Amino acid sequence: MTARPGITDLHIHVQPWRQLKPAVASAMRVGKDRHWERLIALMDDPRALLDVMDDAGIWRVGLVNYPSPDVMGFTDETNAFAARYASAAPERLIPYGGVHPRFTQDPEGQVEELLQLGTRILKLHPPHQVFPANAYTMGMESLARIYRRCEERGLPVTVHTGTSIFPGARCKYGRPMELDDVALDFPDLTIIMAHGGRPLWMDEAFFVLRRHRKMYLEISGIPPRKLLAYFPRLEEIGDRVVWGTDWPSPGVDDLRKNLDQFFDLPLSDALKDRITRHTPLELIPTR
């Protein structure tokens, strides 16, 4: 099967998994014993990923990467990894990268390094990097400097919202409401709210999204069959919703299965196309 024209999954975890801490790797491996070695090999083989995408009918994917040395094990090397991996098929592979505000000595310089690498989206993961998304209001000036430089340079920022199952993750930092501060203080910054605060804070996510026009909702990690229970007024915000799966994280077995379940939802074909094709392409154009 060839890729369905234009469908973008903006959130998959192709990362240097060999850096994962043992306890994190064990959590990631649950339910994947039969496929674990294949997945590890895929992390070094863009052609293998493109084959998976073609089988699933996916045109483009976002390669989520970010440093989290103390919780997950990922170092700054993850940024170069994503850029190198994506260079195998730049039209189809979108590299993410990150600057860790608790460890950086040069926030602006590191954002510029990401841009030089070809990074298309900066990822912040508060539960894995151990700070709230508005920590600059509490003295973390490095975080404000990251946001400001991304705003100046037109680099979208994806922020994890919701819980995380991995050992050491601080789930309290996943609340969407902290992004209200960020959107107010950096009004020209494009913010992509990953996971919609699931499974605890979907109402907060909906409120923040409706309040700020530069905010987008990315629905990865939400079982498609629960999407309308989580966001019953999805059609009201449909022009700022983008598709993602979180594959191959725990609970997400198959790109195609998730996509098919989404297309089975009682939503208009126009809205499904907007979420999976048009809005992701407008947000992150091809190169």
Protein backbone atom coordinates (compact mmCIF):
# COMPACT_ATOMS: atom_id res chain seq x y z
CA MET A 1 0.00 0.00 0.00
CA THR A 2 1.25 3.52 -0.75
CA ALA A 3 0.80 6.46 1.57
CA ARG A 4 -2.58 8.16 1.60
CA PRO A 5 -1.92 11.54 0.00
CA GLY A 6 -1.06 14.19 2.54
CA ILE A 7 -1.80 12.39 5.81
CA THR A 8 0.55 13.55 8.56
CA ASP A 9 1.06 11.83 11.91
CA LEU A 10 2.70 14.65 13.80
CA HIS A 11 3.80 12.62 16.84
CA ILE A 12 5.75 9.38 16.74
CA HIS A 13 8.67 8.34 18.94
CA VAL A 14 11.60 7.49 16.71
CA GLN A 15 14.45 8.32 19.10
CA PRO A 16 17.84 6.95 20.16
CA TRP A 17 16.19 4.32 22.34
CA ARG A 18 19.57 2.83 23.23
CA GLN A 19 19.97 5.83 25.55
CA LEU A 20 16.87 4.93 27.57
CA LYS A 21 17.46 4.24 31.25
CA PRO A 22 16.87 0.55 32.06
CA ALA A 23 13.66 1.13 34.03
CA VAL A 24 12.30 3.38 31.27
CA ALA A 25 13.22 0.85 28.59
CA SER A 26 11.40 -1.85 30.57
CA ALA A 27 8.26 0.28 30.68
CA MET A 28 8.54 1.05 26.98
CA ARG A 29 8.97 -2.63 26.18
CA VAL A 30 5.75 -3.81 27.82
CA GLY A 31 3.68 -5.64 25.20
CA LYS A 32 6.42 -5.35 22.59
CA ASP A 33 8.62 -8.37 23.31
CA ARG A 34 7.97 -9.91 19.89
CA HIS A 35 8.75 -6.67 18.10
CA TRP A 36 11.35 -5.08 20.37
CA GLU A 37 14.44 -5.89 18.31
CA ARG A 38 12.68 -4.74 15.14
CA LEU A 39 11.76 -1.46 16.79
CA ILE A 40 15.31 -0.94 18.06
CA ALA A 41 16.63 -1.58 14.55
CA LEU A 42 14.07 0.83 13.09
CA MET A 43 15.54 3.61 15.23
CA ASP A 44 18.65 3.41 13.03
CA ASP A 45 16.96 2.74 9.69
CA PRO A 46 14.80 5.43 8.06
CA ARG A 47 13.99 3.07 5.18
CA ALA A 48 12.36 0.66 7.64
CA LEU A 49 10.26 3.49 9.03
CA LEU A 50 9.20 4.59 5.55
CA ASP A 51 8.07 1.02 4.86
CA VAL A 52 5.98 1.10 8.05
CA MET A 53 4.50 4.44 6.99
CA ASP A 54 3.66 3.14 3.52
CA ASP A 55 1.97 0.07 4.98
CA ALA A 56 -0.08 2.33 7.27
CA GLY A 57 -0.96 4.84 4.55
CA ILE A 58 0.91 7.72 6.20
CA TRP A 59 2.67 10.37 4.12
CA ARG A 60 4.59 12.31 6.80
CA VAL A 61 5.51 11.84 10.44
CA GLY A 62 6.92 14.04 13.17
CA LEU A 63 9.96 12.51 14.91
CA VAL A 64 9.55 13.61 18.53
CA ASN A 65 12.93 14.12 20.21
CA TYR A 66 14.00 16.13 23.27
CA PRO A 67 16.75 15.93 25.91
CA SER A 68 15.82 14.36 29.26
CA PRO A 69 19.04 12.95 30.70
CA ASP A 70 17.91 12.59 34.30
CA VAL A 71 14.47 11.04 33.72
CA MET A 72 14.47 9.29 30.33
CA GLY A 73 18.18 9.08 29.51
CA PHE A 74 18.12 11.18 26.32
CA THR A 75 21.04 13.59 25.97
CA ASP A 76 21.38 16.56 23.61
CA GLU A 77 22.56 14.02 21.04
CA THR A 78 18.88 13.31 20.38
CA ASN A 79 18.72 16.58 18.40
CA ALA A 80 21.41 15.55 15.91
CA PHE A 81 19.87 12.07 15.78
CA ALA A 82 16.49 13.44 14.65
CA ALA A 83 18.03 15.75 12.06
CA ARG A 84 20.24 13.01 10.64
CA TYR A 85 17.37 10.51 10.52
CA ALA A 86 15.01 12.97 8.83
CA SER A 87 17.59 13.85 6.18
CA ALA A 88 16.90 10.47 4.56
CA ALA A 89 13.48 11.74 3.38
CA PRO A 90 13.03 15.45 4.20
CA GLU A 91 9.56 15.72 2.66
CA ARG A 92 8.23 12.87 4.79
CA LEU A 93 10.18 13.04 8.06
CA ILE A 94 9.84 16.08 10.33
CA PRO A 95 12.62 16.39 12.94
CA TYR A 96 11.86 17.63 16.44
CA GLY A 97 14.55 18.79 18.85
CA GLY A 98 14.80 20.33 22.26
CA VAL A 99 16.66 22.63 24.63
CA HIS A 100 16.54 21.60 28.28
CA PRO A 101 15.93 24.77 30.31
CA ARG A 102 17.34 23.30 33.52
CA PHE A 103 20.68 22.44 31.93
CA THR A 104 21.28 24.93 29.13
CA GLN A 105 23.93 27.63 29.45
CA ASP A 106 22.95 29.30 26.18
CA PRO A 107 19.20 29.08 25.46
CA GLU A 108 19.21 31.30 22.38
CA GLY A 109 22.34 29.70 20.99
CA GLN A 110 20.92 26.22 21.36
CA VAL A 111 17.69 27.20 19.63
CA GLU A 112 19.81 28.55 16.77
CA GLU A 113 21.74 25.27 16.67
CA LEU A 114 18.44 23.41 16.28
CA LEU A 115 17.48 25.63 13.37
CA GLN A 116 20.85 25.03 11.74
CA LEU A 117 20.27 21.29 12.08
CA GLY A 118 16.97 21.64 10.25
CA THR A 119 14.73 21.10 13.30
CA ARG A 120 11.11 21.95 12.41
CA ILE A 121 9.52 21.84 15.89
CA LEU A 122 10.95 22.35 19.37
CA LYS A 123 9.66 19.89 21.97
CA LEU A 124 9.31 20.61 25.67
CA HIS A 125 8.23 17.80 27.99
CA PRO A 126 7.52 19.21 31.46
CA PRO A 127 6.93 15.84 33.20
CA HIS A 128 10.18 14.41 31.75
CA GLN A 129 12.21 17.61 32.11
CA VAL A 130 10.81 18.41 35.57
CA PHE A 131 9.38 21.92 35.37
CA PRO A 132 5.95 23.44 34.69
CA ALA A 133 5.46 25.00 31.27
CA ASN A 134 5.24 28.45 32.89
CA ALA A 135 8.30 27.98 35.14
CA TYR A 136 9.71 31.29 33.87
CA THR A 137 7.05 33.01 36.03
CA MET A 138 8.82 31.38 39.00
CA GLY A 139 12.34 32.43 38.06
CA MET A 140 13.42 30.00 35.32
CA GLU A 141 14.61 32.71 32.94
CA SER A 142 16.17 30.18 30.57
CA LEU A 143 12.70 28.92 29.68
CA ALA A 144 11.48 32.42 28.82
CA ARG A 145 14.53 32.87 26.62
CA ILE A 146 13.74 29.63 24.78
CA TYR A 147 10.14 30.67 24.18
CA ARG A 148 11.19 34.17 23.11
CA ARG A 149 13.74 32.97 20.60
CA CYS A 150 11.30 30.44 19.14
CA GLU A 151 8.71 33.20 18.84
CA GLU A 152 11.23 35.47 17.09
CA ARG A 153 12.34 32.74 14.70
CA GLY A 154 8.90 31.30 13.95
CA LEU A 155 9.77 27.88 15.40
CA PRO A 156 6.66 26.09 16.70
CA VAL A 157 6.85 24.61 20.19
CA THR A 158 5.13 21.35 21.08
CA VAL A 159 4.49 20.94 24.82
CA HIS A 160 3.52 17.64 26.41
CA THR A 161 0.32 17.92 28.42
CA GLY A 162 -1.20 15.12 30.45
CA THR A 163 0.33 12.30 32.43
CA SER A 164 3.28 9.98 31.75
CA ILE A 165 3.74 6.39 32.87
CA PHE A 166 7.54 6.36 32.83
CA PRO A 167 9.54 6.02 36.06
CA GLY A 168 10.60 9.41 37.40
CA ALA A 169 8.10 11.45 35.38
CA ARG A 170 6.48 14.28 37.37
CA CYS A 171 2.91 14.14 36.15
CA LYS A 172 1.84 17.27 38.05
CA TYR A 173 3.76 19.32 35.47
CA GLY A 174 1.50 18.13 32.65
CA ARG A 175 -1.42 20.51 33.25
CA PRO A 176 -2.49 22.48 30.17
CA MET A 177 -3.46 25.58 32.19
CA GLU A 178 0.20 26.59 32.54
CA LEU A 179 0.15 27.22 28.77
CA ASP A 180 -2.32 30.05 29.32
CA ASP A 181 0.59 32.07 30.75
CA VAL A 182 2.85 31.11 27.85
CA ALA A 183 0.31 32.14 25.22
CA LEU A 184 -0.32 35.46 26.98
CA ASP A 185 3.35 36.30 27.42
CA PHE A 186 4.47 35.12 23.96
CA PRO A 187 1.43 35.93 21.79
CA ASP A 188 3.15 35.25 18.46
CA LEU A 189 4.48 31.84 19.49
CA THR A 190 2.84 28.84 17.84
CA ILE A 191 2.12 26.29 20.58
CA ILE A 192 1.11 22.70 19.87
CA MET A 193 -0.51 21.10 22.91
CA ALA A 194 0.36 17.41 22.69
CA HIS A 195 -2.13 14.84 24.02
CA GLY A 196 -4.78 17.36 25.06
CA GLY A 197 -4.11 16.92 28.78
CA ARG A 198 -5.28 13.32 28.74
CA PRO A 199 -6.51 11.54 30.79
CA LEU A 200 -7.15 14.13 33.52
CA TRP A 201 -7.20 17.69 32.15
CA MET A 202 -9.10 17.71 28.86
CA ASP A 203 -11.42 20.52 29.98
CA GLU A 204 -8.39 22.69 30.72
CA ALA A 205 -6.94 21.90 27.32
CA PHE A 206 -10.20 22.82 25.58
CA PHE A 207 -10.43 26.12 27.47
CA VAL A 208 -6.85 27.15 26.76
CA LEU A 209 -7.13 26.23 23.10
CA ARG A 210 -10.30 28.26 22.57
CA ARG A 211 -8.77 31.28 24.31
CA HIS A 212 -5.61 31.51 22.21
CA ARG A 213 -5.62 31.54 18.42
CA LYS A 214 -1.97 30.47 18.09
CA MET A 215 -2.64 27.29 20.09
CA TYR A 216 -3.15 23.90 18.43
CA LEU A 217 -4.39 20.61 19.86
CA GLU A 218 -2.45 17.50 18.85
CA ILE A 219 -4.41 14.38 19.75
CA SER A 220 -1.73 11.71 19.98
CA GLY A 221 -1.95 9.26 22.85
CA ILE A 222 -5.75 9.50 22.95
CA PRO A 223 -7.45 6.25 21.89
CA PRO A 224 -9.42 7.35 18.81
CA ARG A 225 -12.60 5.69 20.06
CA LYS A 226 -12.42 7.89 23.19
CA LEU A 227 -11.65 11.11 21.36
CA LEU A 228 -15.21 12.43 21.26
CA ALA A 229 -15.77 11.47 24.90
CA TYR A 230 -12.67 13.47 25.81
CA PHE A 231 -13.52 16.36 23.46
CA PRO A 232 -17.27 16.27 22.74
CA ARG A 233 -17.09 19.75 21.16
CA LEU A 234 -14.22 18.81 18.86
CA GLU A 235 -15.93 20.28 15.81
CA GLU A 236 -15.83 23.75 17.41
CA ILE A 237 -12.03 23.66 17.42
CA GLY A 238 -11.51 21.41 14.40
CA ASP A 239 -9.52 23.99 12.44
CA ARG A 240 -6.77 23.84 15.08
CA VAL A 241 -6.59 20.10 15.70
CA VAL A 242 -3.82 17.94 14.23
CA TRP A 243 -3.45 14.18 13.99
CA GLY A 244 -0.85 12.18 15.91
CA THR A 245 -0.65 8.69 17.39
CA ASP A 246 2.28 8.52 19.89
CA TRP A 247 3.42 5.28 18.18
CA PRO A 248 5.15 3.08 19.29
CA SER A 249 4.66 4.21 22.87
CA PRO A 250 2.83 1.89 25.28
CA GLY A 251 -0.76 1.36 24.23
CA VAL A 252 -0.22 2.37 20.59
CA ASP A 253 0.36 -0.78 18.58
CA ASP A 254 -0.28 0.19 14.99
CA LEU A 255 -0.31 3.41 12.98
CA ARG A 256 -2.94 2.16 10.54
CA LYS A 257 -5.26 0.81 13.24
CA ASN A 258 -5.37 4.18 15.01
CA LEU A 259 -5.95 6.00 11.74
CA ASP A 260 -8.77 3.67 10.69
CA GLN A 261 -10.46 4.10 14.07
CA PHE A 262 -10.26 7.86 13.71
CA PHE A 263 -11.78 7.75 10.22
CA ASP A 264 -14.63 5.62 11.63
CA LEU A 265 -15.69 8.41 14.02
CA PRO A 266 -18.97 10.27 13.30
CA LEU A 267 -17.20 13.39 12.03
CA SER A 268 -17.51 15.00 8.63
CA ASP A 269 -15.08 13.96 5.94
CA ALA A 270 -14.05 17.60 5.63
CA LEU A 271 -13.08 17.75 9.31
CA LYS A 272 -11.18 14.45 9.13
CA ASP A 273 -9.24 15.77 6.15
CA ARG A 274 -8.55 19.05 7.95
CA ILE A 275 -7.16 17.25 11.02
CA THR A 276 -5.08 14.66 9.19
CA ARG A 277 -4.03 16.52 6.05
CA HIS A 278 -4.62 20.25 5.70
CA THR A 279 -3.88 21.76 9.12
CA PRO A 280 -0.64 19.79 9.67
CA LEU A 281 0.56 20.87 6.22
CA GLU A 282 -0.29 24.52 6.91
CA LEU A 283 1.38 24.32 10.32
CA ILE A 284 4.53 22.50 9.10
CA PRO A 285 4.88 22.98 5.33
CA THR A 286 6.97 20.56 3.30
CA ARG A 287 10.50 21.43 2.30
